[in-house]
N, C-alpha and C. Protein backbone atom coordinates (compact mmCIF):
# COMPACT_ATOMS: atom_id res chain seq x y z
N MET A 1 7.41 -0.78 -11.48
CA MET A 1 6.10 -1.00 -12.06
C MET A 1 5.05 -0.31 -11.18
N THR A 2 4.13 0.36 -11.83
CA THR A 2 3.04 1.04 -11.14
C THR A 2 1.72 0.50 -11.65
N ASP A 3 0.84 0.14 -10.72
CA ASP A 3 -0.50 -0.30 -11.08
C ASP A 3 -1.44 0.90 -10.99
N CYS A 4 -2.26 1.05 -12.01
CA CYS A 4 -3.13 2.22 -12.08
C CYS A 4 -4.59 1.85 -12.31
N ALA A 5 -5.44 2.77 -11.92
CA ALA A 5 -6.86 2.75 -12.28
C ALA A 5 -7.06 3.96 -13.20
N MET A 6 -7.75 3.77 -14.29
CA MET A 6 -8.01 4.87 -15.20
C MET A 6 -9.40 5.43 -14.92
N TYR A 7 -9.46 6.74 -14.76
CA TYR A 7 -10.73 7.44 -14.54
C TYR A 7 -11.15 8.10 -15.85
N ASN A 8 -12.41 7.96 -16.18
CA ASN A 8 -13.01 8.68 -17.29
C ASN A 8 -14.27 9.32 -16.72
N ILE A 9 -14.26 10.63 -16.61
CA ILE A 9 -15.33 11.34 -15.90
C ILE A 9 -16.05 12.30 -16.84
N THR A 10 -17.36 12.22 -16.83
CA THR A 10 -18.20 13.22 -17.48
C THR A 10 -19.07 13.80 -16.38
N PHE A 11 -18.93 15.10 -16.18
CA PHE A 11 -19.63 15.73 -15.07
C PHE A 11 -20.22 17.06 -15.49
N GLN A 12 -21.53 17.11 -15.62
CA GLN A 12 -22.27 18.33 -15.99
C GLN A 12 -21.61 19.08 -17.15
N GLY A 13 -21.36 18.36 -18.23
CA GLY A 13 -20.79 18.98 -19.42
C GLY A 13 -19.29 19.16 -19.36
N TYR A 14 -18.68 18.87 -18.25
CA TYR A 14 -17.23 18.99 -18.10
C TYR A 14 -16.64 17.61 -18.25
N HIS A 15 -15.75 17.44 -19.22
CA HIS A 15 -15.17 16.13 -19.50
C HIS A 15 -13.65 16.26 -19.61
N PRO A 16 -12.94 16.13 -18.46
CA PRO A 16 -11.48 16.19 -18.54
C PRO A 16 -10.95 14.94 -19.23
N SER A 17 -9.70 14.97 -19.62
CA SER A 17 -9.12 13.79 -20.24
C SER A 17 -9.10 12.65 -19.24
N THR A 18 -8.94 11.45 -19.74
CA THR A 18 -8.84 10.28 -18.87
C THR A 18 -7.58 10.43 -18.02
N ILE A 19 -7.70 10.14 -16.74
CA ILE A 19 -6.55 10.27 -15.86
C ILE A 19 -6.19 8.92 -15.25
N CYS A 20 -4.91 8.75 -14.98
CA CYS A 20 -4.39 7.55 -14.34
C CYS A 20 -4.23 7.85 -12.85
N VAL A 21 -4.81 7.02 -12.01
CA VAL A 21 -4.69 7.14 -10.56
C VAL A 21 -3.95 5.90 -10.06
N VAL A 22 -2.88 6.11 -9.32
CA VAL A 22 -2.14 4.98 -8.75
C VAL A 22 -3.11 4.17 -7.89
N ILE A 23 -3.09 2.87 -8.03
CA ILE A 23 -4.10 2.00 -7.42
C ILE A 23 -4.20 2.20 -5.91
N ASP A 24 -3.09 2.49 -5.24
CA ASP A 24 -3.14 2.72 -3.79
C ASP A 24 -3.96 3.95 -3.41
N SER A 25 -4.12 4.89 -4.35
CA SER A 25 -4.88 6.11 -4.10
C SER A 25 -6.35 6.00 -4.51
N LEU A 26 -6.74 4.85 -5.05
CA LEU A 26 -8.11 4.68 -5.54
C LEU A 26 -9.16 4.92 -4.46
N PRO A 27 -9.05 4.31 -3.26
CA PRO A 27 -10.09 4.56 -2.25
C PRO A 27 -10.21 6.05 -1.87
N ALA A 28 -9.08 6.71 -1.69
CA ALA A 28 -9.11 8.14 -1.33
C ALA A 28 -9.71 8.98 -2.45
N SER A 29 -9.45 8.59 -3.71
CA SER A 29 -10.00 9.34 -4.83
C SER A 29 -11.52 9.20 -4.88
N LEU A 30 -12.02 8.01 -4.61
CA LEU A 30 -13.47 7.81 -4.57
C LEU A 30 -14.09 8.60 -3.42
N GLU A 31 -13.41 8.65 -2.30
CA GLU A 31 -13.89 9.40 -1.14
C GLU A 31 -13.99 10.89 -1.47
N LEU A 32 -12.95 11.43 -2.11
CA LEU A 32 -12.97 12.86 -2.47
C LEU A 32 -14.00 13.14 -3.55
N PHE A 33 -14.23 12.18 -4.43
CA PHE A 33 -15.19 12.43 -5.51
C PHE A 33 -16.59 12.71 -4.96
N LYS A 34 -16.89 12.15 -3.80
CA LYS A 34 -18.19 12.45 -3.16
C LYS A 34 -18.32 13.95 -2.91
N ASP A 35 -17.22 14.61 -2.56
CA ASP A 35 -17.24 16.06 -2.34
C ASP A 35 -17.38 16.81 -3.67
N VAL A 36 -16.74 16.29 -4.71
CA VAL A 36 -16.79 16.94 -6.02
C VAL A 36 -18.23 16.99 -6.53
N ILE A 37 -18.98 15.90 -6.38
CA ILE A 37 -20.34 15.89 -6.93
C ILE A 37 -21.28 16.83 -6.19
N ASN A 38 -20.89 17.24 -4.98
CA ASN A 38 -21.73 18.16 -4.21
C ASN A 38 -21.23 19.60 -4.26
N SER A 39 -20.17 19.84 -5.00
CA SER A 39 -19.58 21.16 -5.05
C SER A 39 -20.36 22.10 -5.95
N PRO A 40 -20.55 23.36 -5.53
CA PRO A 40 -21.20 24.34 -6.41
C PRO A 40 -20.24 24.83 -7.51
N LEU A 41 -18.95 24.60 -7.34
CA LEU A 41 -17.94 25.01 -8.32
C LEU A 41 -17.32 23.78 -8.96
N ILE A 42 -18.08 23.17 -9.86
CA ILE A 42 -17.71 21.87 -10.43
C ILE A 42 -16.33 21.89 -11.09
N GLN A 43 -16.09 22.86 -11.97
CA GLN A 43 -14.82 22.86 -12.70
C GLN A 43 -13.64 23.03 -11.76
N ASP A 44 -13.76 23.92 -10.77
CA ASP A 44 -12.69 24.09 -9.80
C ASP A 44 -12.47 22.82 -8.99
N SER A 45 -13.56 22.20 -8.57
CA SER A 45 -13.45 20.96 -7.79
C SER A 45 -12.83 19.84 -8.62
N MET A 46 -13.21 19.75 -9.89
CA MET A 46 -12.63 18.73 -10.76
C MET A 46 -11.14 18.99 -10.96
N ASN A 47 -10.76 20.24 -11.13
CA ASN A 47 -9.34 20.56 -11.29
C ASN A 47 -8.55 20.17 -10.05
N GLU A 48 -9.11 20.42 -8.87
CA GLU A 48 -8.45 20.02 -7.63
C GLU A 48 -8.35 18.50 -7.54
N PHE A 49 -9.41 17.81 -7.93
CA PHE A 49 -9.42 16.36 -7.92
C PHE A 49 -8.30 15.82 -8.83
N ILE A 50 -8.19 16.38 -10.01
CA ILE A 50 -7.17 15.94 -10.97
C ILE A 50 -5.77 16.24 -10.43
N GLU A 51 -5.57 17.44 -9.88
CA GLU A 51 -4.26 17.77 -9.31
C GLU A 51 -3.88 16.82 -8.18
N GLU A 52 -4.86 16.45 -7.37
CA GLU A 52 -4.61 15.59 -6.22
C GLU A 52 -4.30 14.16 -6.63
N PHE A 53 -5.01 13.64 -7.62
CA PHE A 53 -4.94 12.20 -7.88
C PHE A 53 -4.35 11.78 -9.23
N ALA A 54 -4.31 12.63 -10.22
CA ALA A 54 -3.78 12.22 -11.53
C ALA A 54 -2.27 11.99 -11.42
N ARG A 55 -1.87 10.88 -11.94
CA ARG A 55 -0.44 10.55 -11.93
C ARG A 55 0.30 11.54 -12.81
N ALA A 56 1.37 12.12 -12.27
CA ALA A 56 2.10 13.16 -12.98
C ALA A 56 3.46 12.68 -13.52
N ASP A 57 3.95 11.55 -13.01
CA ASP A 57 5.25 11.07 -13.48
C ASP A 57 5.11 10.33 -14.81
N GLU A 58 6.23 10.05 -15.40
CA GLU A 58 6.24 9.42 -16.72
C GLU A 58 5.72 7.99 -16.65
N ILE A 59 4.89 7.64 -17.60
CA ILE A 59 4.36 6.28 -17.69
C ILE A 59 5.44 5.39 -18.30
N MET A 60 5.66 4.25 -17.67
CA MET A 60 6.71 3.33 -18.11
C MET A 60 6.09 2.09 -18.76
N PRO A 61 6.85 1.40 -19.62
CA PRO A 61 6.32 0.19 -20.27
C PRO A 61 5.89 -0.90 -19.29
N SER A 62 6.48 -0.93 -18.11
CA SER A 62 6.13 -1.97 -17.13
C SER A 62 4.87 -1.63 -16.33
N ASP A 63 4.34 -0.42 -16.47
CA ASP A 63 3.13 -0.03 -15.74
C ASP A 63 1.93 -0.81 -16.26
N ARG A 64 0.94 -1.02 -15.36
CA ARG A 64 -0.24 -1.78 -15.74
C ARG A 64 -1.50 -1.00 -15.40
N THR A 65 -2.48 -1.07 -16.28
CA THR A 65 -3.81 -0.56 -15.99
C THR A 65 -4.63 -1.75 -15.51
N LEU A 66 -5.05 -1.69 -14.24
CA LEU A 66 -5.81 -2.80 -13.67
C LEU A 66 -7.30 -2.70 -13.96
N GLY A 67 -7.77 -1.47 -14.21
CA GLY A 67 -9.19 -1.31 -14.47
C GLY A 67 -9.58 0.14 -14.68
N PHE A 68 -10.89 0.34 -14.74
CA PHE A 68 -11.44 1.64 -15.07
C PHE A 68 -12.54 2.04 -14.10
N VAL A 69 -12.59 3.34 -13.83
CA VAL A 69 -13.70 3.94 -13.10
C VAL A 69 -14.31 4.94 -14.07
N ILE A 70 -15.50 4.65 -14.54
CA ILE A 70 -16.17 5.53 -15.50
C ILE A 70 -17.35 6.16 -14.79
N ILE A 71 -17.34 7.49 -14.76
CA ILE A 71 -18.37 8.23 -14.04
C ILE A 71 -19.11 9.13 -15.01
N ASN A 72 -20.43 8.97 -15.06
CA ASN A 72 -21.28 9.84 -15.86
C ASN A 72 -22.30 10.46 -14.91
N SER A 73 -22.06 11.71 -14.55
CA SER A 73 -22.93 12.35 -13.56
C SER A 73 -24.30 12.67 -14.12
N ASN A 74 -24.39 12.92 -15.43
CA ASN A 74 -25.69 13.23 -16.01
C ASN A 74 -26.64 12.04 -15.89
N LYS A 75 -26.11 10.85 -16.07
CA LYS A 75 -26.92 9.63 -15.96
C LYS A 75 -26.86 9.04 -14.55
N LYS A 76 -26.01 9.64 -13.70
CA LYS A 76 -25.82 9.15 -12.32
C LYS A 76 -25.43 7.68 -12.30
N VAL A 77 -24.40 7.36 -13.10
CA VAL A 77 -23.90 5.99 -13.21
C VAL A 77 -22.39 5.99 -12.99
N ILE A 78 -21.95 5.01 -12.22
CA ILE A 78 -20.52 4.78 -12.03
C ILE A 78 -20.26 3.32 -12.36
N SER A 79 -19.33 3.11 -13.27
CA SER A 79 -18.92 1.76 -13.63
C SER A 79 -17.52 1.54 -13.06
N PHE A 80 -17.40 0.55 -12.21
CA PHE A 80 -16.16 0.21 -11.52
C PHE A 80 -15.75 -1.15 -12.04
N SER A 81 -14.83 -1.19 -13.01
CA SER A 81 -14.52 -2.41 -13.73
C SER A 81 -13.02 -2.70 -13.68
N PHE A 82 -12.66 -3.85 -13.09
CA PHE A 82 -11.25 -4.20 -12.92
C PHE A 82 -11.00 -5.64 -13.30
N SER A 83 -9.92 -5.87 -14.04
CA SER A 83 -9.51 -7.23 -14.34
C SER A 83 -8.86 -7.86 -13.12
N GLU A 84 -8.23 -7.01 -12.30
CA GLU A 84 -7.58 -7.46 -11.08
C GLU A 84 -7.49 -6.27 -10.13
N ILE A 85 -7.70 -6.52 -8.85
CA ILE A 85 -7.58 -5.45 -7.85
C ILE A 85 -7.13 -6.08 -6.54
N PRO A 86 -6.19 -5.45 -5.83
CA PRO A 86 -5.78 -5.99 -4.53
C PRO A 86 -6.95 -5.99 -3.55
N GLY A 87 -7.05 -7.05 -2.76
CA GLY A 87 -8.17 -7.21 -1.83
C GLY A 87 -8.33 -6.05 -0.87
N GLN A 88 -7.22 -5.54 -0.32
CA GLN A 88 -7.32 -4.45 0.64
C GLN A 88 -7.80 -3.17 -0.03
N ILE A 89 -7.47 -2.98 -1.30
CA ILE A 89 -7.94 -1.80 -2.04
C ILE A 89 -9.44 -1.94 -2.30
N MET A 90 -9.87 -3.13 -2.71
CA MET A 90 -11.30 -3.36 -2.95
C MET A 90 -12.10 -3.14 -1.67
N ASN A 91 -11.62 -3.65 -0.56
CA ASN A 91 -12.31 -3.47 0.72
C ASN A 91 -12.42 -1.99 1.08
N ALA A 92 -11.35 -1.24 0.84
CA ALA A 92 -11.35 0.19 1.16
C ALA A 92 -12.26 0.98 0.22
N CYS A 93 -12.53 0.46 -0.97
CA CYS A 93 -13.41 1.14 -1.94
C CYS A 93 -14.89 0.92 -1.64
N GLU A 94 -15.20 -0.10 -0.88
CA GLU A 94 -16.61 -0.44 -0.66
C GLU A 94 -17.40 0.67 0.01
N LYS A 95 -16.84 1.35 1.02
CA LYS A 95 -17.57 2.41 1.70
C LYS A 95 -17.84 3.60 0.78
N PRO A 96 -16.82 4.17 0.11
CA PRO A 96 -17.15 5.30 -0.77
C PRO A 96 -18.10 4.92 -1.91
N LEU A 97 -18.01 3.69 -2.42
CA LEU A 97 -18.94 3.26 -3.47
C LEU A 97 -20.36 3.16 -2.90
N SER A 98 -20.48 2.66 -1.68
CA SER A 98 -21.78 2.60 -1.02
C SER A 98 -22.34 4.01 -0.78
N ASP A 99 -21.48 4.92 -0.36
CA ASP A 99 -21.90 6.31 -0.16
C ASP A 99 -22.38 6.95 -1.46
N LEU A 100 -21.72 6.61 -2.57
CA LEU A 100 -22.16 7.14 -3.87
C LEU A 100 -23.50 6.54 -4.26
N ARG A 101 -23.73 5.28 -3.94
CA ARG A 101 -25.05 4.66 -4.17
C ARG A 101 -26.11 5.43 -3.38
N ASN A 102 -25.79 5.72 -2.11
CA ASN A 102 -26.73 6.45 -1.25
C ASN A 102 -26.98 7.87 -1.75
N ALA A 103 -26.04 8.40 -2.53
CA ALA A 103 -26.20 9.74 -3.12
C ALA A 103 -27.02 9.69 -4.41
N GLY A 104 -27.51 8.48 -4.78
CA GLY A 104 -28.37 8.35 -5.95
C GLY A 104 -27.69 7.84 -7.20
N TYR A 105 -26.43 7.44 -7.10
CA TYR A 105 -25.73 6.90 -8.25
C TYR A 105 -25.97 5.40 -8.37
N GLU A 106 -26.14 4.94 -9.59
CA GLU A 106 -26.15 3.50 -9.86
C GLU A 106 -24.69 3.09 -9.98
N VAL A 107 -24.25 2.18 -9.14
CA VAL A 107 -22.85 1.76 -9.14
C VAL A 107 -22.78 0.33 -9.66
N GLU A 108 -22.11 0.18 -10.80
CA GLU A 108 -21.94 -1.14 -11.40
C GLU A 108 -20.52 -1.62 -11.07
N ILE A 109 -20.42 -2.78 -10.45
CA ILE A 109 -19.11 -3.31 -10.09
C ILE A 109 -18.86 -4.60 -10.86
N ASP A 110 -17.75 -4.62 -11.57
CA ASP A 110 -17.34 -5.80 -12.33
C ASP A 110 -15.86 -6.04 -12.04
N VAL A 111 -15.58 -7.00 -11.16
CA VAL A 111 -14.20 -7.30 -10.76
C VAL A 111 -13.93 -8.76 -11.07
N ASN A 112 -12.93 -9.02 -11.92
CA ASN A 112 -12.59 -10.38 -12.30
C ASN A 112 -11.83 -11.12 -11.22
N LYS A 113 -10.82 -10.46 -10.64
CA LYS A 113 -9.94 -11.15 -9.73
C LYS A 113 -9.52 -10.23 -8.59
N ILE A 114 -9.67 -10.70 -7.37
CA ILE A 114 -9.17 -9.97 -6.22
C ILE A 114 -7.91 -10.68 -5.77
N SER A 115 -6.80 -9.95 -5.80
CA SER A 115 -5.51 -10.54 -5.45
C SER A 115 -5.11 -10.16 -4.03
N GLN A 116 -4.10 -10.84 -3.54
CA GLN A 116 -3.59 -10.57 -2.18
C GLN A 116 -2.78 -9.32 -2.13
């Protein structure tokens, strides 16, 4: 079983398909996204982001989507919404989310349950 976060990104007219990021990679993906938003080569940076973090193996029936990260760069809004997230993952996400706030993004956090 693999737990995933689904990313839905709209960035300066570029809208890749929704990608699944393994939950353990969520903090690192948020950290790298800070670089993507500052890149002069948006499409290349987004492609690198997707190559680095999009799950490439086959999705299995036992896999779970724990939540969504929806990013709209035009509106400078990030919605971080999870029905459940491991506590250590949530703690590791706090710094990159704070950094994105400092970069001018409105960050909405909606977490139902933090698990061990």
